[in-house]
Amino acid sequence: MLDASAIAAGFGQLAPEQLRAMLENFLPQGATAAEKVAAIETGLQSPAGESLRDAMARWIVDEIVPVERLVPEAYANWRPPVRDAMMFVVARLSPARLAPKLLEQIELPAGTPAEVRLLRLIAKVPGLQKLGQVIARNQHLHPALRKALARLENGIRDVRPEDIRAIIQRELGQKIETYAVKIAPAILSEASVSAVVRFSWRNPETRRRQRGVFKVLKPHISQYFAEDMDYLQGLAQHFGDRHHRYGFPAHLIPDTFRKVRRLLRHEVNFSREQKTLIEAGTLYRSMRGVRIPRLIEPLCAPAVTALTEERGIKVTSAAARLPAPRRRKVAEQLIEALIAVPLFAATRDAVFHGDPHAGNLLYNNRTGELAILDWALRERLGREERRHLALLFLMVSLRDPVGTSAAIVALSQHPIGMNSPRGRMIHRTVAEFLGGIPPSNLPSAADAMRLLERVAMKGVRFPASLIMLSKVMFTLEGILADIVGPDTGMGLAIARRVARHWLGNRAAFRSPLRTRDWLTLQCSALLYTSRLWVQWEQAILNRFLKRSKASPAIA
């Protein structure tokens, strides 16, 4: 048996491979997997359990999934907090959850790629799986890691069909007979907290059998949810107490974990999503080429959502089969549906889809229709927020530092004077950011959100809804890059949406922008060419100076 007390004193001095070898030797020889898990669990619960946890956490972040491989060089300053966060979570998972994960990592072949180990490690840890889905399309990641994380979009497999069927039968009860429900034997797809199965039912209104899908809360989620909430709250406190170590504003990392905690709570609130689906159906009702699954309300329950089945395949896979002009059309369709439609909605509060990874976006190449699935994560933005966001996106596209700075100040949580020290800091940051975008590149809405993050890193706070939208933008940017390449023209696509609806039907088009905003945009557009020309001149001068320094003949 694993004698944790006998080896605790030497944990801190052991190299990762030595630790692994020692644990293998202390496990019961010839024991079953269940007996080995029980032995590790006993060790984790022993007086030396904390030392064992710390050692295993160190093994994981230094050997199993090295942070240097997980976090690309472009985000090198985030490696220390990411490493600490991984250590924190491993050190606080319950013995019952952690023990089988440790045994699995020990027994995997020595040459198992880090990407495969990572997916095994985060299985049945919804918060980490959700994070993996968000970063899966980041162009800076190592290709092997991107490919592995993309499997989280529709390749999670951690629940059995019979368990899902049992939940449906328990939740619906007599309704299964009343509506003659027939449940498919196999799981159609899995997400981090839910599984989807096909079914058919007899609709009493049409007196016909119709097809649909059940989205079902996985059985282990309710068991692990409270623990995940606790470690996310603990992470917020941990980084709040140690913010000075990382060089970030005191609130930045703690606020991020608090928001992730809030989002995960929404993810398991099926009743909330059912209401959102009805609202989203209304928002997109008049947009051709976009489908929102419809609720089958008689078959919904607190842990089961019944929906119409939408046809299509993952949008990145569908686009890969299309010629370049059609891929560009798919990209514009995504931008319009996920950003432009809610941004310029006529309602007072517009709903944004908060989790647009590729697995939630199905495309039908035959009909040209886009289906937007899974509305558990969503955010609302009021008219004033959307007004300043629209101005921010358009001003960044026009490379206007004054207009961009004004939009950022308006979006901040606390009043900021343009001539105050903080206001001048924002203007300098904006000028540097816009100046760093090559003249040949088209600034995008994702660039605008990246600029907001840079300002936030300097201590300016923004509403939680903007953090969600930032996540949406970066996820969408990665998908668009996979479809049409890095030059997606997101900002221009949004501008085209505005122009098309404004020119086509001025009376019906209700933009959050005011008359003076249109005048400001027109004035900025008149100066766009001169701003671009100045950037071209500066770029040419910089290249010349660089060559001069590098060439002794010219010097």
Protein backbone atom coordinates (compact mmCIF):
# COMPACT_ATOMS: atom_id res chain seq x y z
CA MET A 1 0.00 0.00 0.00
CA LEU A 2 1.03 3.62 -0.52
CA ASP A 3 2.74 4.71 2.73
CA ALA A 4 2.44 8.49 2.34
CA SER A 5 3.95 9.29 5.73
CA ALA A 6 7.16 7.43 4.87
CA ILE A 7 7.80 9.35 1.68
CA ALA A 8 6.42 12.79 2.57
CA ALA A 9 9.76 14.17 3.75
CA GLY A 10 11.45 13.46 0.43
CA PHE A 11 8.76 14.77 -1.92
CA GLY A 12 10.24 18.23 -2.27
CA GLN A 13 13.68 16.91 -3.35
CA LEU A 14 12.46 14.45 -6.00
CA ALA A 15 12.57 15.20 -9.71
CA PRO A 16 9.27 14.61 -11.55
CA GLU A 17 10.33 11.27 -13.07
CA GLN A 18 11.71 10.08 -9.72
CA LEU A 19 8.39 10.92 -8.09
CA ARG A 20 6.48 8.96 -10.71
CA ALA A 21 8.76 5.93 -10.34
CA MET A 22 8.47 6.00 -6.56
CA LEU A 23 4.68 6.15 -6.66
CA GLU A 24 4.58 3.22 -9.06
CA ASN A 25 6.71 1.19 -6.62
CA PHE A 26 4.48 2.01 -3.65
CA LEU A 27 1.24 1.04 -5.41
CA PRO A 28 -0.08 -2.47 -4.60
CA GLN A 29 1.55 -4.97 -6.96
CA GLY A 30 -0.89 -7.00 -9.04
CA ALA A 31 -3.83 -4.97 -7.73
CA THR A 32 -6.86 -3.98 -9.76
CA ALA A 33 -7.31 -0.41 -10.98
CA ALA A 34 -9.92 0.17 -8.26
CA GLU A 35 -7.50 -0.99 -5.57
CA LYS A 36 -4.76 1.28 -6.90
CA VAL A 37 -7.13 4.25 -6.94
CA ALA A 38 -8.12 3.43 -3.37
CA ALA A 39 -4.45 3.34 -2.37
CA ILE A 40 -3.76 6.75 -3.87
CA GLU A 41 -6.93 8.14 -2.31
CA THR A 42 -5.81 6.84 1.08
CA GLY A 43 -2.47 8.57 0.62
CA LEU A 44 -4.18 11.84 -0.31
CA GLN A 45 -6.27 11.65 2.86
CA SER A 46 -3.32 10.80 5.12
CA PRO A 47 -1.36 13.31 7.25
CA ALA A 48 1.16 13.51 4.40
CA GLY A 49 -1.60 14.04 1.84
CA GLU A 50 -0.84 17.74 1.40
CA SER A 51 2.81 16.97 0.58
CA LEU A 52 1.70 14.31 -1.89
CA ARG A 53 -0.71 16.72 -3.58
CA ASP A 54 1.92 19.43 -3.90
CA ALA A 55 4.41 16.98 -5.37
CA MET A 56 1.90 15.64 -7.89
CA ALA A 57 0.86 19.15 -8.85
CA ARG A 58 4.52 20.01 -9.46
CA TRP A 59 4.92 16.84 -11.55
CA ILE A 60 1.91 17.77 -13.67
CA VAL A 61 2.84 21.39 -14.43
CA ASP A 62 6.55 20.69 -14.96
CA GLU A 63 6.47 17.31 -16.68
CA ILE A 64 2.99 16.19 -17.75
CA VAL A 65 1.63 19.44 -19.21
CA PRO A 66 4.48 21.97 -19.17
CA VAL A 67 3.19 25.51 -18.93
CA GLU A 68 5.73 26.58 -21.58
CA ARG A 69 3.91 24.33 -24.05
CA LEU A 70 0.43 25.29 -22.93
CA VAL A 71 0.97 29.08 -22.92
CA PRO A 72 2.57 30.43 -26.14
CA GLU A 73 5.46 32.86 -26.16
CA ALA A 74 3.12 35.69 -27.16
CA TYR A 75 1.56 35.43 -23.66
CA ALA A 76 4.74 34.64 -21.74
CA ASN A 77 3.84 37.06 -18.93
CA TRP A 78 0.79 34.88 -18.18
CA ARG A 79 2.86 31.73 -17.59
CA PRO A 80 3.48 32.29 -13.84
CA PRO A 81 -0.20 32.81 -12.94
CA VAL A 82 -1.27 29.92 -15.21
CA ARG A 83 1.25 27.63 -13.52
CA ASP A 84 0.08 28.74 -10.07
CA ALA A 85 -3.57 28.26 -11.05
CA MET A 86 -2.90 24.70 -12.27
CA MET A 87 -1.03 23.90 -9.06
CA PHE A 88 -3.90 25.36 -7.02
CA VAL A 89 -6.58 23.26 -8.74
CA VAL A 90 -4.64 19.98 -8.56
CA ALA A 91 -3.91 20.62 -4.90
CA ARG A 92 -7.60 21.15 -4.10
CA LEU A 93 -9.54 18.56 -6.10
CA SER A 94 -11.20 16.03 -3.82
CA PRO A 95 -9.32 12.73 -3.34
CA ALA A 96 -12.16 10.88 -5.10
CA ARG A 97 -11.68 13.00 -8.25
CA LEU A 98 -7.91 13.37 -8.13
CA ALA A 99 -6.89 9.78 -7.36
CA PRO A 100 -8.11 8.20 -10.66
CA LYS A 101 -6.56 11.08 -12.64
CA LEU A 102 -3.17 10.53 -10.97
CA LEU A 103 -3.30 6.78 -11.60
CA GLU A 104 -4.21 7.39 -15.24
CA GLN A 105 -1.27 9.77 -15.69
CA ILE A 106 1.11 7.31 -14.02
CA GLU A 107 -0.01 4.42 -16.23
CA LEU A 108 0.02 6.28 -19.55
CA PRO A 109 3.04 5.29 -21.69
CA ALA A 110 6.10 7.49 -21.16
CA GLY A 111 5.91 8.85 -24.71
CA THR A 112 2.28 9.99 -24.47
CA PRO A 113 2.05 13.52 -25.97
CA ALA A 114 1.36 16.37 -23.55
CA GLU A 115 -1.79 17.25 -25.50
CA VAL A 116 -3.31 13.80 -24.88
CA ARG A 117 -2.36 13.94 -21.21
CA LEU A 118 -4.00 17.36 -20.90
CA LEU A 119 -7.34 16.13 -22.27
CA ARG A 120 -7.29 13.17 -19.86
CA LEU A 121 -6.40 15.45 -16.97
CA ILE A 122 -9.31 17.87 -17.49
CA ALA A 123 -11.94 15.18 -18.17
CA LYS A 124 -14.98 15.76 -15.93
CA VAL A 125 -13.62 19.15 -14.84
CA PRO A 126 -16.11 21.45 -16.63
CA GLY A 127 -14.40 24.74 -15.80
CA LEU A 128 -11.10 23.60 -17.34
CA GLN A 129 -12.85 22.03 -20.32
CA LYS A 130 -14.65 25.30 -20.97
CA LEU A 131 -11.37 27.18 -20.84
CA GLY A 132 -9.90 24.71 -23.33
CA GLN A 133 -12.78 25.32 -25.74
CA VAL A 134 -12.22 29.07 -25.53
CA ILE A 135 -8.52 28.95 -26.39
CA ALA A 136 -8.74 26.08 -28.90
CA ARG A 137 -8.73 28.40 -31.93
CA ASN A 138 -5.95 30.69 -30.72
CA GLN A 139 -3.52 31.00 -33.63
CA HIS A 140 -0.51 31.36 -31.29
CA LEU A 141 -0.87 27.89 -29.77
CA HIS A 142 1.31 24.99 -30.82
CA PRO A 143 -0.52 23.20 -33.72
CA ALA A 144 -0.66 19.88 -31.85
CA LEU A 145 -2.20 21.57 -28.81
CA ARG A 146 -4.73 23.45 -30.95
CA LYS A 147 -5.76 20.20 -32.63
CA ALA A 148 -6.16 18.45 -29.28
CA LEU A 149 -8.17 21.27 -27.70
CA ALA A 150 -10.42 21.45 -30.77
CA ARG A 151 -11.63 17.98 -29.77
CA LEU A 152 -13.27 19.61 -26.75
CA GLU A 153 -15.68 21.34 -29.16
CA ASN A 154 -17.51 18.10 -29.95
CA GLY A 155 -15.22 15.23 -28.97
CA ILE A 156 -15.72 14.95 -25.19
CA ARG A 157 -16.58 11.38 -24.15
CA ASP A 158 -17.02 11.00 -20.39
CA VAL A 159 -20.56 9.69 -19.84
CA ARG A 160 -22.46 6.49 -20.73
CA PRO A 161 -25.66 6.40 -22.87
CA GLU A 162 -27.51 4.39 -20.23
CA ASP A 163 -26.81 7.07 -17.62
CA ILE A 164 -28.25 9.77 -19.88
CA ARG A 165 -31.30 7.65 -20.67
CA ALA A 166 -31.92 7.14 -16.94
CA ILE A 167 -31.88 10.90 -16.33
CA ILE A 168 -34.37 11.52 -19.16
CA GLN A 169 -36.73 8.84 -17.80
CA ARG A 170 -36.47 10.22 -14.27
CA GLU A 171 -37.02 13.84 -15.33
CA LEU A 172 -39.89 13.25 -17.79
CA GLY A 173 -41.66 10.38 -16.02
CA GLN A 174 -45.13 9.75 -17.44
CA LYS A 175 -44.53 12.20 -20.32
CA ILE A 176 -42.48 9.54 -22.10
CA GLU A 177 -45.60 7.43 -22.55
CA THR A 178 -47.94 10.37 -23.06
CA TYR A 179 -45.90 11.69 -26.00
CA ALA A 180 -44.68 8.26 -27.18
CA VAL A 181 -41.04 9.31 -26.80
CA LYS A 182 -38.42 7.01 -28.35
CA ILE A 183 -34.83 7.72 -27.31
CA ALA A 184 -31.89 6.85 -29.58
CA PRO A 185 -29.47 4.29 -28.09
CA ALA A 186 -26.30 6.33 -28.80
CA ILE A 187 -25.12 9.75 -27.65
CA LEU A 188 -25.03 12.25 -30.51
CA SER A 189 -22.53 14.67 -28.93
CA GLU A 190 -21.14 15.78 -25.58
CA ALA A 191 -20.20 19.16 -24.16
CA SER A 192 -18.50 20.01 -20.90
CA VAL A 193 -21.65 19.77 -18.76
CA SER A 194 -24.23 18.13 -21.02
CA ALA A 195 -24.82 15.30 -23.48
CA VAL A 196 -27.14 15.31 -26.50
CA VAL A 197 -29.22 12.36 -27.74
CA ARG A 198 -31.72 12.13 -30.57
CA PHE A 199 -35.34 11.19 -29.98
CA SER A 200 -38.68 11.11 -31.72
CA TRP A 201 -42.07 11.93 -30.26
CA ARG A 202 -45.73 12.16 -31.23
CA ASN A 203 -46.82 15.80 -31.47
CA PRO A 204 -50.49 15.98 -30.39
CA GLU A 205 -51.02 19.16 -32.43
CA THR A 206 -49.86 17.69 -35.76
CA ARG A 207 -50.63 14.05 -34.82
CA ARG A 208 -47.32 13.11 -36.42
CA ARG A 209 -44.05 11.74 -35.16
CA GLN A 210 -41.35 14.40 -35.13
CA ARG A 211 -37.63 14.31 -34.45
CA GLY A 212 -35.74 16.26 -31.84
CA VAL A 213 -32.77 16.16 -29.49
CA PHE A 214 -32.52 16.09 -25.72
CA LYS A 215 -29.79 18.15 -24.07
CA VAL A 216 -29.20 16.47 -20.70
CA LEU A 217 -27.18 17.57 -17.67
CA LYS A 218 -24.47 14.95 -17.09
CA PRO A 219 -24.83 12.95 -13.86
CA HIS A 220 -21.42 13.88 -12.43
CA ILE A 221 -21.99 17.63 -12.81
CA SER A 222 -24.28 17.99 -9.81
CA GLN A 223 -21.78 15.98 -7.75
CA TYR A 224 -18.75 18.09 -8.75
CA PHE A 225 -20.40 21.48 -9.24
CA ALA A 226 -20.06 22.71 -5.65
CA GLU A 227 -16.39 21.71 -5.59
CA ASP A 228 -15.69 23.55 -8.86
CA MET A 229 -17.41 26.63 -7.47
CA ASP A 230 -15.21 26.42 -4.36
CA TYR A 231 -11.88 26.18 -6.15
CA LEU A 232 -12.82 29.02 -8.52
CA GLN A 233 -13.68 31.17 -5.51
CA GLY A 234 -10.44 30.07 -3.90
CA LEU A 235 -8.48 31.05 -7.02
CA ALA A 236 -10.00 34.54 -6.91
CA GLN A 237 -8.92 34.90 -3.27
CA HIS A 238 -5.50 33.35 -3.93
CA PHE A 239 -4.63 35.78 -6.71
CA GLY A 240 -6.15 38.70 -4.87
CA ASP A 241 -3.73 38.09 -2.00
CA ARG A 242 -0.72 37.63 -4.29
CA HIS A 243 -1.38 40.06 -7.16
CA HIS A 244 1.91 41.90 -6.57
CA ARG A 245 3.84 38.82 -7.74
CA TYR A 246 2.57 39.01 -11.32
CA GLY A 247 2.74 42.66 -12.26
CA PHE A 248 -0.97 42.88 -13.15
CA PRO A 249 -3.56 45.25 -11.65
CA ALA A 250 -4.81 43.96 -8.30
CA HIS A 251 -8.35 43.26 -9.52
CA LEU A 252 -7.60 41.73 -12.93
CA ILE A 253 -7.01 38.02 -12.23
CA PRO A 254 -9.40 37.74 -9.23
CA ASP A 255 -12.19 39.36 -11.24
CA THR A 256 -11.55 36.94 -14.10
CA PHE A 257 -12.02 33.88 -11.90
CA ARG A 258 -15.13 35.35 -10.30
CA LYS A 259 -16.60 35.84 -13.78
CA VAL A 260 -15.66 32.30 -14.85
CA ARG A 261 -17.42 31.06 -11.71
CA ARG A 262 -20.52 33.03 -12.61
CA LEU A 263 -20.47 31.70 -16.18
CA LEU A 264 -20.15 28.09 -15.04
CA ARG A 265 -23.16 28.60 -12.78
CA HIS A 266 -25.14 29.75 -15.83
CA GLU A 267 -23.94 26.72 -17.79
CA VAL A 268 -25.90 24.34 -15.55
CA ASN A 269 -29.04 26.49 -15.35
CA PHE A 270 -31.20 24.78 -17.97
CA SER A 271 -34.32 26.81 -17.18
CA ARG A 272 -32.39 30.01 -17.91
CA GLU A 273 -31.19 28.65 -21.24
CA GLN A 274 -34.70 27.57 -22.21
CA LYS A 275 -35.90 31.18 -21.78
CA THR A 276 -32.89 32.47 -23.71
CA LEU A 277 -33.64 30.17 -26.65
CA ILE A 278 -37.09 31.71 -27.00
CA GLU A 279 -35.57 35.21 -26.91
CA ALA A 280 -32.85 34.29 -29.42
CA GLY A 281 -35.45 32.83 -31.76
CA THR A 282 -37.22 36.19 -31.77
CA LEU A 283 -33.98 38.13 -32.34
CA TYR A 284 -33.00 36.07 -35.41
CA ARG A 285 -36.48 35.48 -36.75
CA SER A 286 -36.07 37.92 -39.64
CA MET A 287 -32.47 36.98 -40.54
CA ARG A 288 -32.29 34.63 -43.48
CA GLY A 289 -29.73 31.84 -43.35
CA VAL A 290 -29.61 31.57 -39.54
CA ARG A 291 -31.45 28.99 -37.48
CA ILE A 292 -31.97 28.84 -33.72
CA PRO A 293 -33.20 25.50 -32.30
CA ARG A 294 -36.82 25.72 -31.17
CA LEU A 295 -37.91 24.48 -27.76
CA ILE A 296 -40.21 21.49 -27.52
CA GLU A 297 -41.70 22.82 -24.31
CA PRO A 298 -43.85 19.82 -23.21
CA LEU A 299 -40.67 17.71 -22.98
CA CYS A 300 -38.48 20.16 -21.08
CA ALA A 301 -37.49 19.70 -17.43
CA PRO A 302 -34.96 21.24 -15.00
CA ALA A 303 -32.18 18.89 -16.18
CA VAL A 304 -33.46 18.19 -19.71
CA THR A 305 -34.03 20.57 -22.63
CA ALA A 306 -35.92 19.25 -25.66
CA LEU A 307 -35.13 20.96 -28.97
CA THR A 308 -35.68 20.62 -32.67
CA GLU A 309 -32.76 18.88 -34.38
CA GLU A 310 -30.74 21.17 -36.64
CA ARG A 311 -28.86 19.77 -39.62
CA GLY A 312 -25.25 20.61 -40.44
CA ILE A 313 -21.66 19.93 -39.45
CA LYS A 314 -19.10 21.93 -37.49
CA VAL A 315 -18.65 25.18 -39.39
CA THR A 316 -14.86 24.86 -39.72
CA SER A 317 -15.24 21.38 -41.23
CA ALA A 318 -18.02 22.53 -43.56
CA ALA A 319 -16.06 25.55 -44.78
CA ALA A 320 -12.98 23.43 -45.51
CA ARG A 321 -14.99 21.74 -48.29
CA LEU A 322 -15.94 25.01 -49.99
CA PRO A 323 -14.11 27.18 -52.55
CA ALA A 324 -12.53 30.43 -51.32
CA PRO A 325 -15.41 32.78 -52.32
CA ARG A 326 -17.94 30.71 -50.42
CA ARG A 327 -15.65 30.46 -47.40
CA ARG A 328 -15.53 34.27 -47.33
CA LYS A 329 -19.33 34.32 -47.43
CA VAL A 330 -19.50 31.89 -44.50
CA ALA A 331 -17.11 34.12 -42.53
CA GLU A 332 -19.26 37.21 -43.17
CA GLN A 333 -22.37 35.24 -42.20
CA LEU A 334 -20.75 34.35 -38.86
CA ILE A 335 -19.73 37.95 -38.16
CA GLU A 336 -23.16 39.30 -38.99
CA ALA A 337 -25.03 36.65 -36.97
CA LEU A 338 -22.88 36.64 -33.84
CA ILE A 339 -21.80 40.29 -33.65
CA ALA A 340 -23.67 42.65 -35.95
CA VAL A 341 -27.22 41.40 -35.33
CA PRO A 342 -27.16 41.72 -31.52
CA LEU A 343 -24.99 44.86 -31.68
CA PHE A 344 -27.55 46.73 -33.79
CA ALA A 345 -30.72 45.10 -32.42
CA ALA A 346 -33.75 47.32 -31.94
CA THR A 347 -34.45 45.96 -28.44
CA ARG A 348 -33.39 47.80 -25.30
CA ASP A 349 -31.28 44.86 -24.08
CA ALA A 350 -29.85 42.57 -26.75
CA VAL A 351 -28.69 39.01 -26.07
CA PHE A 352 -25.27 37.85 -27.32
CA HIS A 353 -24.29 34.20 -27.69
CA GLY A 354 -21.52 33.73 -25.14
CA ASP A 355 -19.93 30.45 -26.27
CA PRO A 356 -19.49 30.43 -30.07
CA HIS A 357 -16.85 27.71 -30.35
CA ALA A 358 -16.98 25.75 -33.61
CA GLY A 359 -18.86 22.83 -32.04
CA ASN A 360 -21.81 25.15 -31.33
CA LEU A 361 -21.93 26.43 -34.93
CA LEU A 362 -23.33 24.01 -37.51
CA TYR A 363 -23.29 24.86 -41.21
CA ASN A 364 -25.28 23.22 -43.98
CA ASN A 365 -23.36 23.52 -47.25
CA ARG A 366 -26.41 22.55 -49.27
CA THR A 367 -28.79 25.19 -47.89
CA GLY A 368 -26.23 27.77 -46.75
CA GLU A 369 -27.85 27.90 -43.31
CA LEU A 370 -25.99 28.47 -40.05
CA ALA A 371 -27.41 26.89 -36.88
CA ILE A 372 -26.36 28.47 -33.57
CA LEU A 373 -26.57 25.94 -30.73
CA ASP A 374 -26.13 25.96 -26.95
CA TRP A 375 -27.32 29.24 -25.44
CA ALA A 376 -26.41 28.39 -21.84
CA LEU A 377 -23.77 31.14 -21.84
CA ARG A 378 -25.12 34.45 -22.99
CA GLU A 379 -24.76 38.08 -22.06
CA ARG A 380 -26.96 41.12 -22.37
CA LEU A 381 -25.85 44.54 -23.49
CA GLY A 382 -27.97 47.69 -23.15
CA ARG A 383 -28.37 50.26 -25.89
CA GLU A 384 -25.77 52.64 -24.47
CA GLU A 385 -23.19 49.87 -24.09
CA ARG A 386 -23.87 48.72 -27.64
CA ARG A 387 -23.69 52.29 -28.88
CA HIS A 388 -20.18 52.79 -27.50
CA LEU A 389 -19.11 49.32 -28.60
CA ALA A 390 -20.24 50.04 -32.15
CA LEU A 391 -18.31 53.31 -32.07
CA LEU A 392 -15.27 51.49 -30.70
CA PHE A 393 -15.33 48.85 -33.46
CA LEU A 394 -15.84 51.43 -36.21
CA MET A 395 -13.28 53.90 -34.84
CA VAL A 396 -10.65 51.17 -34.57
CA SER A 397 -11.42 50.17 -38.17
CA LEU A 398 -10.92 53.84 -39.14
CA ARG A 399 -7.68 53.99 -37.09
CA ASP A 400 -9.01 57.06 -35.27
CA PRO A 401 -7.15 57.45 -31.92
CA VAL A 402 -9.35 60.27 -30.62
CA GLY A 403 -12.65 58.53 -31.39
CA THR A 404 -11.34 55.20 -30.10
CA SER A 405 -10.17 56.77 -26.83
CA ALA A 406 -13.55 58.45 -26.32
CA ALA A 407 -15.37 55.14 -26.83
CA ILE A 408 -13.12 53.35 -24.30
CA VAL A 409 -13.63 56.07 -21.70
CA ALA A 410 -17.40 55.79 -22.20
CA LEU A 411 -17.27 52.00 -21.72
CA SER A 412 -15.29 52.10 -18.48
CA GLN A 413 -17.06 51.30 -15.21
CA HIS A 414 -15.97 54.52 -13.51
CA PRO A 415 -15.97 58.11 -14.84
CA ILE A 416 -12.68 59.13 -16.47
CA GLY A 417 -11.87 62.64 -17.67
CA MET A 418 -10.16 62.78 -21.05
CA ASN A 419 -7.59 65.22 -19.65
CA SER A 420 -7.05 63.34 -16.40
CA PRO A 421 -3.87 61.23 -15.93
CA ARG A 422 -5.87 58.08 -16.61
CA GLY A 423 -7.51 59.64 -19.67
CA ARG A 424 -4.10 60.62 -21.07
CA MET A 425 -2.85 57.08 -20.39
CA ILE A 426 -5.74 55.67 -22.40
CA HIS A 427 -5.00 58.00 -25.30
CA ARG A 428 -1.29 57.03 -25.32
CA THR A 429 -2.19 53.33 -25.18
CA VAL A 430 -4.65 53.71 -28.05
CA ALA A 431 -2.16 55.64 -30.21
CA GLU A 432 0.55 53.02 -29.61
CA PHE A 433 -1.84 50.17 -30.32
CA LEU A 434 -3.22 51.59 -33.56
CA GLY A 435 0.27 52.58 -34.65
CA GLY A 436 1.38 48.98 -34.16
CA ILE A 437 -1.18 47.60 -36.64
CA PRO A 438 0.56 47.39 -40.05
CA PRO A 439 -1.02 49.70 -42.67
CA SER A 440 -1.64 46.66 -44.89
CA ASN A 441 -3.80 44.98 -42.19
CA LEU A 442 -7.49 45.62 -41.66
CA PRO A 443 -8.16 46.31 -37.95
CA SER A 444 -10.90 44.03 -36.64
CA ALA A 445 -13.44 44.03 -33.84
CA ALA A 446 -11.19 41.49 -32.11
CA ASP A 447 -8.40 44.09 -32.27
CA ALA A 448 -10.76 46.50 -30.50
CA MET A 449 -11.32 43.97 -27.70
CA ARG A 450 -7.58 43.31 -27.55
CA LEU A 451 -7.09 47.04 -27.06
CA LEU A 452 -9.65 47.00 -24.23
CA GLU A 453 -7.68 44.22 -22.56
CA ARG A 454 -4.47 46.24 -22.85
CA VAL A 455 -6.18 49.19 -21.17
CA ALA A 456 -7.62 46.86 -18.50
CA MET A 457 -4.09 45.61 -17.79
CA LYS A 458 -3.26 49.18 -16.81
CA GLY A 459 -5.97 49.32 -14.18
CA VAL A 460 -9.13 50.49 -15.99
CA ARG A 461 -12.20 48.42 -15.10
CA PHE A 462 -14.91 47.41 -17.57
CA PRO A 463 -18.32 45.74 -17.04
CA ALA A 464 -18.53 41.94 -16.87
CA SER A 465 -20.56 41.91 -20.09
CA LEU A 466 -17.52 43.23 -21.98
CA ILE A 467 -15.35 40.44 -20.57
CA MET A 468 -17.84 37.94 -21.99
CA LEU A 469 -17.89 39.76 -25.33
CA SER A 470 -14.10 39.77 -25.38
CA LYS A 471 -14.16 35.98 -25.01
CA VAL A 472 -16.70 35.79 -27.86
CA MET A 473 -14.51 37.95 -30.11
CA PHE A 474 -11.34 35.96 -29.54
CA THR A 475 -13.14 32.65 -30.04
CA LEU A 476 -14.75 33.93 -33.24
CA GLU A 477 -11.48 35.41 -34.48
CA GLY A 478 -9.83 31.99 -34.25
CA ILE A 479 -12.70 30.32 -36.13
CA LEU A 480 -12.60 32.97 -38.87
CA ALA A 481 -8.83 32.56 -39.21
CA ASP A 482 -9.32 28.83 -39.73
CA ILE A 483 -11.94 29.53 -42.41
CA VAL A 484 -10.47 32.43 -44.41
CA GLY A 485 -7.05 33.15 -42.90
CA PRO A 486 -5.92 35.91 -40.53
CA ASP A 487 -7.27 38.84 -42.58
CA THR A 488 -10.95 38.39 -41.70
CA GLY A 489 -12.14 41.97 -42.19
CA MET A 490 -14.47 41.73 -39.17
CA GLY A 491 -14.75 45.48 -38.81
CA LEU A 492 -15.63 45.96 -42.47
CA ALA A 493 -18.27 43.23 -42.29
CA ILE A 494 -19.92 45.05 -39.38
CA ALA A 495 -19.75 48.34 -41.30
CA ARG A 496 -21.35 46.68 -44.34
CA ARG A 497 -24.19 45.46 -42.15
CA VAL A 498 -24.79 49.03 -40.96
CA ALA A 499 -24.65 50.50 -44.46
CA ARG A 500 -26.84 47.83 -46.04
CA HIS A 501 -29.66 48.18 -43.51
CA TRP A 502 -29.37 51.97 -43.31
CA LEU A 503 -29.58 52.42 -47.09
CA GLY A 504 -32.11 49.63 -47.62
CA ASN A 505 -34.71 50.69 -45.06
CA ARG A 506 -33.90 53.78 -43.01
CA ALA A 507 -37.28 53.84 -41.31
CA ALA A 508 -37.03 50.28 -39.99
CA PHE A 509 -33.33 50.30 -39.12
CA ARG A 510 -33.02 51.17 -35.43
CA SER A 511 -29.36 51.46 -34.61
CA PRO A 512 -28.15 52.33 -31.10
CA LEU A 513 -26.03 55.04 -32.74
CA ARG A 514 -27.30 58.60 -32.50
CA THR A 515 -27.34 61.28 -35.18
CA ARG A 516 -24.23 62.96 -33.78
CA ASP A 517 -22.45 59.58 -33.83
CA TRP A 518 -23.10 59.28 -37.55
CA LEU A 519 -21.71 62.76 -38.09
CA THR A 520 -18.63 61.92 -36.03
CA LEU A 521 -18.07 58.74 -38.03
CA GLN A 522 -18.43 60.58 -41.32
CA CYS A 523 -15.87 63.20 -40.26
CA SER A 524 -13.50 60.46 -39.12
CA ALA A 525 -13.93 58.60 -42.41
CA LEU A 526 -12.91 61.73 -44.33
CA LEU A 527 -9.57 61.72 -42.48
CA TYR A 528 -9.00 57.98 -42.77
CA THR A 529 -6.85 58.20 -45.90
CA SER A 530 -4.56 60.82 -44.39
CA ARG A 531 -4.11 58.75 -41.21
CA LEU A 532 -3.32 55.66 -43.27
CA TRP A 533 -0.87 57.60 -45.41
CA VAL A 534 0.97 58.84 -42.32
CA GLN A 535 1.26 55.24 -41.11
CA TRP A 536 2.60 54.13 -44.49
CA GLU A 537 5.22 56.88 -44.40
CA GLN A 538 6.21 55.94 -40.86
CA ALA A 539 6.45 52.25 -41.81
CA ILE A 540 8.67 53.07 -44.81
CA LEU A 541 10.86 55.31 -42.66
CA ASN A 542 11.21 52.62 -40.00
CA ARG A 543 12.24 50.03 -42.60
CA PHE A 544 14.81 52.43 -44.06
CA LEU A 545 16.29 53.19 -40.63
CA LYS A 546 16.41 49.49 -39.80
CA ARG A 547 18.28 48.74 -43.02
CA SER A 548 20.62 51.66 -42.42
CA LYS A 549 21.62 50.31 -39.02
CA ALA A 550 22.10 46.82 -40.43
CA SER A 551 24.19 47.88 -43.47
CA PRO A 552 27.75 49.22 -42.88
CA ALA A 553 27.81 50.54 -46.44
CA ILE A 554 24.83 52.82 -45.90
CA ALA A 555 25.97 53.80 -42.42
